[in-house]
PDB file of N, CA and C in Angstrom:
ATOM      1  N   MET A   1      29.993 -13.534 -15.856  1.00  0.00           N
ATOM      2  CA  MET A   1      29.420 -12.982 -14.640  1.00  0.00           C
ATOM      3  C   MET A   1      28.188 -13.817 -14.277  1.00  0.00           C
ATOM      4  N   PRO A   2      28.055 -14.195 -13.000  1.00  0.00           N
ATOM      5  CA  PRO A   2      26.893 -15.001 -12.610  1.00  0.00           C
ATOM      6  C   PRO A   2      25.599 -14.210 -12.754  1.00  0.00           C
ATOM      7  N   MET A   3      24.549 -14.910 -13.074  1.00  0.00           N
ATOM      8  CA  MET A   3      23.225 -14.292 -13.172  1.00  0.00           C
ATOM      9  C   MET A   3      22.442 -14.652 -11.922  1.00  0.00           C
ATOM     10  N   VAL A   4      21.725 -13.664 -11.387  1.00  0.00           N
ATOM     11  CA  VAL A   4      20.892 -13.862 -10.211  1.00  0.00           C
ATOM     12  C   VAL A   4      19.531 -13.274 -10.527  1.00  0.00           C
ATOM     13  N   THR A   5      18.489 -13.978 -10.160  1.00  0.00           N
ATOM     14  CA  THR A   5      17.134 -13.485 -10.370  1.00  0.00           C
ATOM     15  C   THR A   5      16.582 -13.007  -9.034  1.00  0.00           C
ATOM     16  N   VAL A   6      16.064 -11.790  -9.015  1.00  0.00           N
ATOM     17  CA  VAL A   6      15.464 -11.231  -7.799  1.00  0.00           C
ATOM     18  C   VAL A   6      14.116 -10.625  -8.148  1.00  0.00           C
ATOM     19  N   SER A   7      13.273 -10.503  -7.147  1.00  0.00           N
ATOM     20  CA  SER A   7      11.991  -9.823  -7.310  1.00  0.00           C
ATOM     21  C   SER A   7      12.109  -8.447  -6.675  1.00  0.00           C
ATOM     22  N   ILE A   8      11.634  -7.420  -7.372  1.00  0.00           N
ATOM     23  CA  ILE A   8      11.654  -6.060  -6.847  1.00  0.00           C
ATOM     24  C   ILE A   8      10.263  -5.461  -6.978  1.00  0.00           C
ATOM     25  N   SER A   9      10.036  -4.412  -6.237  1.00  0.00           N
ATOM     26  CA  SER A   9       8.723  -3.756  -6.283  1.00  0.00           C
ATOM     27  C   SER A   9       8.596  -2.943  -7.566  1.00  0.00           C
ATOM     28  N   PRO A  10       7.377  -2.612  -7.953  1.00  0.00           N
ATOM     29  CA  PRO A  10       7.194  -1.738  -9.118  1.00  0.00           C
ATOM     30  C   PRO A  10       7.898  -0.390  -8.952  1.00  0.00           C
ATOM     31  N   GLN A  11       7.937   0.127  -7.723  1.00  0.00           N
ATOM     32  CA  GLN A  11       8.615   1.398  -7.474  1.00  0.00           C
ATOM     33  C   GLN A  11      10.121   1.262  -7.685  1.00  0.00           C
ATOM     34  N   GLN A  12      10.682   0.149  -7.258  1.00  0.00           N
ATOM     35  CA  GLN A  12      12.106  -0.081  -7.465  1.00  0.00           C
ATOM     36  C   GLN A  12      12.418  -0.218  -8.951  1.00  0.00           C
ATOM     37  N   ALA A  13      11.573  -0.927  -9.673  1.00  0.00           N
ATOM     38  CA  ALA A  13      11.774  -1.083 -11.117  1.00  0.00           C
ATOM     39  C   ALA A  13      11.693   0.272 -11.814  1.00  0.00           C
ATOM     40  N   ALA A  14      10.751   1.110 -11.388  1.00  0.00           N
ATOM     41  CA  ALA A  14      10.618   2.447 -11.976  1.00  0.00           C
ATOM     42  C   ALA A  14      11.856   3.287 -11.677  1.00  0.00           C
ATOM     43  N   GLY A  15      12.389   3.163 -10.477  1.00  0.00           N
ATOM     44  CA  GLY A  15      13.600   3.896 -10.115  1.00  0.00           C
ATOM     45  C   GLY A  15      14.790   3.473 -10.962  1.00  0.00           C
ATOM     46  N   ILE A  16      14.906   2.190 -11.210  1.00  0.00           N
ATOM     47  CA  ILE A  16      15.989   1.692 -12.064  1.00  0.00           C
ATOM     48  C   ILE A  16      15.825   2.216 -13.478  1.00  0.00           C
ATOM     49  N   ARG A  17      14.596   2.143 -14.001  1.00  0.00           N
ATOM     50  CA  ARG A  17      14.338   2.664 -15.360  1.00  0.00           C
ATOM     51  C   ARG A  17      14.649   4.156 -15.437  1.00  0.00           C
ATOM     52  N   ALA A  18      14.270   4.908 -14.407  1.00  0.00           N
ATOM     53  CA  ALA A  18      14.517   6.350 -14.406  1.00  0.00           C
ATOM     54  C   ALA A  18      16.018   6.644 -14.404  1.00  0.00           C
ATOM     55  N   ALA A  19      16.783   5.870 -13.650  1.00  0.00           N
ATOM     56  CA  ALA A  19      18.233   6.074 -13.615  1.00  0.00           C
ATOM     57  C   ALA A  19      18.851   5.816 -14.983  1.00  0.00           C
ATOM     58  N   VAL A  20      18.376   4.801 -15.677  1.00  0.00           N
ATOM     59  CA  VAL A  20      18.884   4.498 -17.023  1.00  0.00           C
ATOM     60  C   VAL A  20      18.410   5.560 -18.009  1.00  0.00           C
ATOM     61  N   ASP A  21      17.123   5.922 -17.933  1.00  0.00           N
ATOM     62  CA  ASP A  21      16.576   6.931 -18.848  1.00  0.00           C
ATOM     63  C   ASP A  21      17.253   8.293 -18.684  1.00  0.00           C
ATOM     64  N   SER A  22      17.727   8.586 -17.479  1.00  0.00           N
ATOM     65  CA  SER A  22      18.388   9.869 -17.238  1.00  0.00           C
ATOM     66  C   SER A  22      19.763   9.932 -17.904  1.00  0.00           C
ATOM     67  N   GLY A  23      20.279   8.774 -18.286  1.00  0.00           N
ATOM     68  CA  GLY A  23      21.584   8.719 -18.923  1.00  0.00           C
ATOM     69  C   GLY A  23      22.736   8.516 -17.961  1.00  0.00           C
ATOM     70  N   LEU A  24      22.445   8.453 -16.661  1.00  0.00           N
ATOM     71  CA  LEU A  24      23.510   8.249 -15.680  1.00  0.00           C
ATOM     72  C   LEU A  24      24.052   6.825 -15.720  1.00  0.00           C
ATOM     73  N   TYR A  25      23.227   5.883 -16.185  1.00  0.00           N
ATOM     74  CA  TYR A  25      23.615   4.482 -16.273  1.00  0.00           C
ATOM     75  C   TYR A  25      23.240   3.951 -17.652  1.00  0.00           C
ATOM     76  N   ALA A  26      24.045   3.016 -18.130  1.00  0.00           N
ATOM     77  CA  ALA A  26      23.787   2.425 -19.443  1.00  0.00           C
ATOM     78  C   ALA A  26      22.766   1.292 -19.377  1.00  0.00           C
ATOM     79  N   SER A  27      22.604   0.684 -18.208  1.00  0.00           N
ATOM     80  CA  SER A  27      21.679  -0.448 -18.084  1.00  0.00           C
ATOM     81  C   SER A  27      21.187  -0.584 -16.653  1.00  0.00           C
ATOM     82  N   GLY A  28      20.106  -1.332 -16.510  1.00  0.00           N
ATOM     83  CA  GLY A  28      19.590  -1.626 -15.182  1.00  0.00           C
ATOM     84  C   GLY A  28      20.586  -2.424 -14.364  1.00  0.00           C
ATOM     85  N   SER A  29      21.341  -3.266 -15.024  1.00  0.00           N
ATOM     86  CA  SER A  29      22.357  -4.051 -14.313  1.00  0.00           C
ATOM     87  C   SER A  29      23.392  -3.141 -13.663  1.00  0.00           C
ATOM     88  N   GLU A  30      23.773  -2.074 -14.354  1.00  0.00           N
ATOM     89  CA  GLU A  30      24.732  -1.122 -13.773  1.00  0.00           C
ATOM     90  C   GLU A  30      24.162  -0.473 -12.518  1.00  0.00           C
ATOM     91  N   VAL A  31      22.887  -0.131 -12.547  1.00  0.00           N
ATOM     92  CA  VAL A  31      22.242   0.495 -11.385  1.00  0.00           C
ATOM     93  C   VAL A  31      22.273  -0.465 -10.199  1.00  0.00           C
ATOM     94  N   VAL A  32      21.905  -1.703 -10.441  1.00  0.00           N
ATOM     95  CA  VAL A  32      21.857  -2.690  -9.361  1.00  0.00           C
ATOM     96  C   VAL A  32      23.257  -2.979  -8.835  1.00  0.00           C
ATOM     97  N   ARG A  33      24.241  -3.104  -9.717  1.00  0.00           N
ATOM     98  CA  ARG A  33      25.613  -3.345  -9.252  1.00  0.00           C
ATOM     99  C   ARG A  33      26.106  -2.182  -8.390  1.00  0.00           C
ATOM    100  N   GLU A  34      25.802  -0.947  -8.795  1.00  0.00           N
ATOM    101  CA  GLU A  34      26.197   0.221  -8.003  1.00  0.00           C
ATOM    102  C   GLU A  34      25.515   0.204  -6.638  1.00  0.00           C
ATOM    103  N   ALA A  35      24.232  -0.124  -6.613  1.00  0.00           N
ATOM    104  CA  ALA A  35      23.504  -0.202  -5.342  1.00  0.00           C
ATOM    105  C   ALA A  35      24.119  -1.265  -4.440  1.00  0.00           C
ATOM    106  N   LEU A  36      24.490  -2.394  -5.005  1.00  0.00           N
ATOM    107  CA  LEU A  36      25.103  -3.450  -4.209  1.00  0.00           C
ATOM    108  C   LEU A  36      26.483  -3.054  -3.699  1.00  0.00           C
ATOM    109  N   ARG A  37      27.249  -2.316  -4.502  1.00  0.00           N
ATOM    110  CA  ARG A  37      28.545  -1.822  -4.034  1.00  0.00           C
ATOM    111  C   ARG A  37      28.358  -0.880  -2.858  1.00  0.00           C
ATOM    112  N   LEU A  38      27.381   0.027  -2.955  1.00  0.00           N
ATOM    113  CA  LEU A  38      27.100   0.956  -1.858  1.00  0.00           C
ATOM    114  C   LEU A  38      26.639   0.212  -0.608  1.00  0.00           C
ATOM    115  N   TRP A  39      25.787  -0.784  -0.787  1.00  0.00           N
ATOM    116  CA  TRP A  39      25.309  -1.591   0.329  1.00  0.00           C
ATOM    117  C   TRP A  39      26.467  -2.309   1.007  1.00  0.00           C
ATOM    118  N   ASP A  40      27.332  -2.907   0.206  1.00  0.00           N
ATOM    119  CA  ASP A  40      28.454  -3.648   0.761  1.00  0.00           C
ATOM    120  C   ASP A  40      29.399  -2.721   1.532  1.00  0.00           C
ATOM    121  N   ALA A  41      29.682  -1.552   0.970  1.00  0.00           N
ATOM    122  CA  ALA A  41      30.556  -0.589   1.647  1.00  0.00           C
ATOM    123  C   ALA A  41      29.924  -0.125   2.956  1.00  0.00           C
ATOM    124  N   ALA A  42      28.633   0.175   2.950  1.00  0.00           N
ATOM    125  CA  ALA A  42      27.940   0.622   4.168  1.00  0.00           C
ATOM    126  C   ALA A  42      27.904  -0.493   5.201  1.00  0.00           C
ATOM    127  N   ARG A  43      27.700  -1.712   4.755  1.00  0.00           N
ATOM    128  CA  ARG A  43      27.671  -2.859   5.666  1.00  0.00           C
ATOM    129  C   ARG A  43      29.029  -3.027   6.343  1.00  0.00           C
ATOM    130  N   ARG A  44      30.108  -2.884   5.560  1.00  0.00           N
ATOM    131  CA  ARG A  44      31.452  -3.025   6.118  1.00  0.00           C
ATOM    132  C   ARG A  44      31.775  -1.906   7.112  1.00  0.00           C
ATOM    133  N   ARG A  45      31.212  -0.718   6.881  1.00  0.00           N
ATOM    134  CA  ARG A  45      31.436   0.399   7.808  1.00  0.00           C
ATOM    135  C   ARG A  45      30.515   0.327   9.024  1.00  0.00           C
ATOM    136  N   GLY A  46      29.591  -0.626   9.029  1.00  0.00           N
ATOM    137  CA  GLY A  46      28.676  -0.776  10.158  1.00  0.00           C
ATOM    138  C   GLY A  46      27.527   0.197  10.152  1.00  0.00           C
ATOM    139  N   GLU A  47      27.190   0.752   8.987  1.00  0.00           N
ATOM    140  CA  GLU A  47      26.123   1.744   8.909  1.00  0.00           C
ATOM    141  C   GLU A  47      24.739   1.125   8.749  1.00  0.00           C
ATOM    142  N   LEU A  48      24.673  -0.171   8.537  1.00  0.00           N
ATOM    143  CA  LEU A  48      23.382  -0.820   8.313  1.00  0.00           C
ATOM    144  C   LEU A  48      23.022  -1.699   9.492  1.00  0.00           C
ATOM    145  N   THR A  49      21.736  -1.840   9.725  1.00  0.00           N
ATOM    146  CA  THR A  49      21.264  -2.711  10.780  1.00  0.00           C
ATOM    147  C   THR A  49      21.511  -4.164  10.390  1.00  0.00           C
ATOM    148  N   GLU A  50      21.759  -4.980  11.364  1.00  0.00           N
ATOM    149  CA  GLU A  50      21.966  -6.406  11.123  1.00  0.00           C
ATOM    150  C   GLU A  50      20.676  -7.190  11.324  1.00  0.00           C
ATOM    151  N   ALA A  51      19.538  -6.491  11.519  1.00  0.00           N
ATOM    152  CA  ALA A  51      18.277  -7.172  11.797  1.00  0.00           C
ATOM    153  C   ALA A  51      17.194  -6.743  10.835  1.00  0.00           C
ATOM    154  N   PRO A  52      17.306  -7.107   9.539  1.00  0.00           N
ATOM    155  CA  PRO A  52      16.273  -6.681   8.596  1.00  0.00           C
ATOM    156  C   PRO A  52      14.901  -7.251   8.913  1.00  0.00           C
ATOM    157  N   GLN A  53      14.824  -8.406   9.578  1.00  0.00           N
ATOM    158  CA  GLN A  53      13.523  -8.981   9.916  1.00  0.00           C
ATOM    159  C   GLN A  53      12.775  -8.064  10.868  1.00  0.00           C
ATOM    160  N   ALA A  54      13.469  -7.479  11.836  1.00  0.00           N
ATOM    161  CA  ALA A  54      12.823  -6.579  12.789  1.00  0.00           C
ATOM    162  C   ALA A  54      12.308  -5.336  12.097  1.00  0.00           C
ATOM    163  N   VAL A  55      13.081  -4.800  11.150  1.00  0.00           N
ATOM    164  CA  VAL A  55      12.642  -3.615  10.413  1.00  0.00           C
ATOM    165  C   VAL A  55      11.418  -3.953   9.582  1.00  0.00           C
ATOM    166  N   ASN A  56      11.442  -5.099   8.904  1.00  0.00           N
ATOM    167  CA  ASN A  56      10.308  -5.509   8.081  1.00  0.00           C
ATOM    168  C   ASN A  56       9.065  -5.754   8.921  1.00  0.00           C
ATOM    169  N   ALA A  57       9.248  -6.143  10.172  1.00  0.00           N
ATOM    170  CA  ALA A  57       8.116  -6.404  11.050  1.00  0.00           C
ATOM    171  C   ALA A  57       7.587  -5.128  11.693  1.00  0.00           C
ATOM    172  N   GLY A  58       8.211  -3.997  11.394  1.00  0.00           N
ATOM    173  CA  GLY A  58       7.740  -2.725  11.921  1.00  0.00           C
ATOM    174  C   GLY A  58       8.437  -2.277  13.181  1.00  0.00           C
ATOM    175  N   ASP A  59       9.492  -2.970  13.585  1.00  0.00           N
ATOM    176  CA  ASP A  59      10.242  -2.590  14.780  1.00  0.00           C
ATOM    177  C   ASP A  59      11.276  -1.547  14.390  1.00  0.00           C
ATOM    178  N   ASN A  60      10.964  -0.295  14.605  1.00  0.00           N
ATOM    179  CA  ASN A  60      11.856   0.786  14.197  1.00  0.00           C
ATOM    180  C   ASN A  60      13.105   0.891  15.060  1.00  0.00           C
ATOM    181  N   SER A  61      13.151   0.212  16.185  1.00  0.00           N
ATOM    182  CA  SER A  61      14.329   0.303  17.047  1.00  0.00           C
ATOM    183  C   SER A  61      15.556  -0.268  16.348  1.00  0.00           C
ATOM    184  N   ALA A  62      15.376  -1.231  15.460  1.00  0.00           N
ATOM    185  CA  ALA A  62      16.509  -1.819  14.747  1.00  0.00           C
ATOM    186  C   ALA A  62      17.098  -0.836  13.754  1.00  0.00           C
ATOM    187  N   ARG A  63      16.333   0.177  13.370  1.00  0.00           N
ATOM    188  CA  ARG A  63      16.779   1.113  12.354  1.00  0.00           C
ATOM    189  C   ARG A  63      17.421   2.362  12.951  1.00  0.00           C
ATOM    190  N   ARG A  64      17.219   2.610  14.206  1.00  0.00           N
ATOM    191  CA  ARG A  64      17.773   3.823  14.817  1.00  0.00           C
ATOM    192  C   ARG A  64      19.277   3.868  14.640  1.00  0.00           C
ATOM    193  N   GLY A  65      19.769   4.997  14.163  1.00  0.00           N
ATOM    194  CA  GLY A  65      21.202   5.156  14.011  1.00  0.00           C
ATOM    195  C   GLY A  65      21.760   4.541  12.745  1.00  0.00           C
ATOM    196  N   SER A  66      20.929   3.933  11.931  1.00  0.00           N
ATOM    197  CA  SER A  66      21.423   3.356  10.689  1.00  0.00           C
ATOM    198  C   SER A  66      20.594   3.893   9.528  1.00  0.00           C
ATOM    199  N   ARG A  67      21.117   3.738   8.338  1.00  0.00           N
ATOM    200  CA  ARG A  67      20.424   4.234   7.152  1.00  0.00           C
ATOM    201  C   ARG A  67      20.151   3.064   6.234  1.00  0.00           C
ATOM    202  N   CYS A  68      19.060   3.160   5.494  1.00  0.00           N
ATOM    203  CA  CYS A  68      18.771   2.088   4.552  1.00  0.00           C
ATOM    204  C   CYS A  68      19.545   2.356   3.255  1.00  0.00           C
ATOM    205  N   VAL A  69      19.720   1.316   2.475  1.00  0.00           N
ATOM    206  CA  VAL A  69      20.476   1.413   1.233  1.00  0.00           C
ATOM    207  C   VAL A  69      19.816   2.408   0.276  1.00  0.00           C
ATOM    208  N   ALA A  70      18.499   2.447   0.246  1.00  0.00           N
ATOM    209  CA  ALA A  70      17.809   3.376  -0.654  1.00  0.00           C
ATOM    210  C   ALA A  70      18.177   4.825  -0.329  1.00  0.00           C
ATOM    211  N   ASP A  71      18.273   5.150   0.953  1.00  0.00           N
ATOM    212  CA  ASP A  71      18.665   6.504   1.355  1.00  0.00           C
ATOM    213  C   ASP A  71      20.088   6.815   0.896  1.00  0.00           C
ATOM    214  N   MET A  72      20.986   5.863   1.103  1.00  0.00           N
ATOM    215  CA  MET A  72      22.376   6.085   0.706  1.00  0.00           C
ATOM    216  C   MET A  72      22.498   6.205  -0.810  1.00  0.00           C
ATOM    217  N   PHE A  73      21.747   5.375  -1.524  1.00  0.00           N
ATOM    218  CA  PHE A  73      21.798   5.419  -2.984  1.00  0.00           C
ATOM    219  C   PHE A  73      21.244   6.745  -3.489  1.00  0.00           C
ATOM    220  N   ALA A  74      20.160   7.231  -2.892  1.00  0.00           N
ATOM    221  CA  ALA A  74      19.588   8.517  -3.291  1.00  0.00           C
ATOM    222  C   ALA A  74      20.585   9.647  -3.042  1.00  0.00           C
ATOM    223  N   ASP A  75      21.264   9.610  -1.898  1.00  0.00           N
ATOM    224  CA  ASP A  75      22.286  10.618  -1.613  1.00  0.00           C
ATOM    225  C   ASP A  75      23.416  10.556  -2.637  1.00  0.00           C
ATOM    226  N   TYR A  76      23.832   9.347  -2.964  1.00  0.00           N
ATOM    227  CA  TYR A  76      24.906   9.145  -3.933  1.00  0.00           C
ATOM    228  C   TYR A  76      24.501   9.694  -5.308  1.00  0.00           C
ATOM    229  N   GLU A  77      23.287   9.389  -5.724  1.00  0.00           N
ATOM    230  CA  GLU A  77      22.792   9.872  -7.018  1.00  0.00           C
ATOM    231  C   GLU A  77      22.710  11.398  -7.038  1.00  0.00           C
ATOM    232  N   ALA A  78      22.235  12.000  -5.956  1.00  0.00           N
ATOM    233  CA  ALA A  78      22.141  13.458  -5.895  1.00  0.00           C
ATOM    234  C   ALA A  78      23.527  14.083  -5.980  1.00  0.00           C
ATOM    235  N   GLU A  79      24.475  13.511  -5.268  1.00  0.00           N
ATOM    236  CA  GLU A  79      25.843  14.024  -5.318  1.00  0.00           C
ATOM    237  C   GLU A  79      26.435  13.857  -6.721  1.00  0.00           C
ATOM    238  N   LYS A  80      26.166  12.755  -7.344  1.00  0.00           N
ATOM    239  CA  LYS A  80      26.660  12.489  -8.704  1.00  0.00           C
ATOM    240  C   LYS A  80      26.100  13.522  -9.694  1.00  0.00           C
ATOM    241  N   ARG A  81      24.807  13.847  -9.549  1.00  0.00           N
ATOM    242  CA  ARG A  81      24.183  14.842 -10.444  1.00  0.00           C
ATOM    243  C   ARG A  81      24.769  16.232 -10.211  1.00  0.00           C
ATOM    244  N   ARG A  82      25.116  16.552  -8.976  1.00  0.00           N
ATOM    245  CA  ARG A  82      25.694  17.867  -8.679  1.00  0.00           C
ATOM    246  C   ARG A  82      27.050  18.060  -9.364  1.00  0.00           C
ATOM    247  N   HIS A  83      27.746  16.989  -9.617  1.00  0.00           N
ATOM    248  CA  HIS A  83      29.081  17.075 -10.194  1.00  0.00           C
ATOM    249  C   HIS A  83      29.110  16.808 -11.697  1.00  0.00           C
ATOM    250  N   VAL A  84      27.956  16.703 -12.313  1.00  0.00           N
ATOM    251  CA  VAL A  84      27.928  16.457 -13.778  1.00  0.00           C
ATOM    252  C   VAL A  84      27.899  17.768 -14.517  1.00  0.00           C
TER     253      VAL A  84
END
């Protein structure tokens, strides 16, 4: 499997650690792979904005009607916990 190095925020790192510590995932890599699968599925369904630069610059118009991956992942995790 190819290795990729990315930089994440301390909050993102804490979220990954919490997901592993909760026992829902065996490793941080599993958490990231799941997040990427959700992102890819949402992107294919057209649920994500195609202008991340505008969102990062504070232009909320690019985000209207779309959801960020963190929101979708949080929903997915909550649903997963409800069924455990």
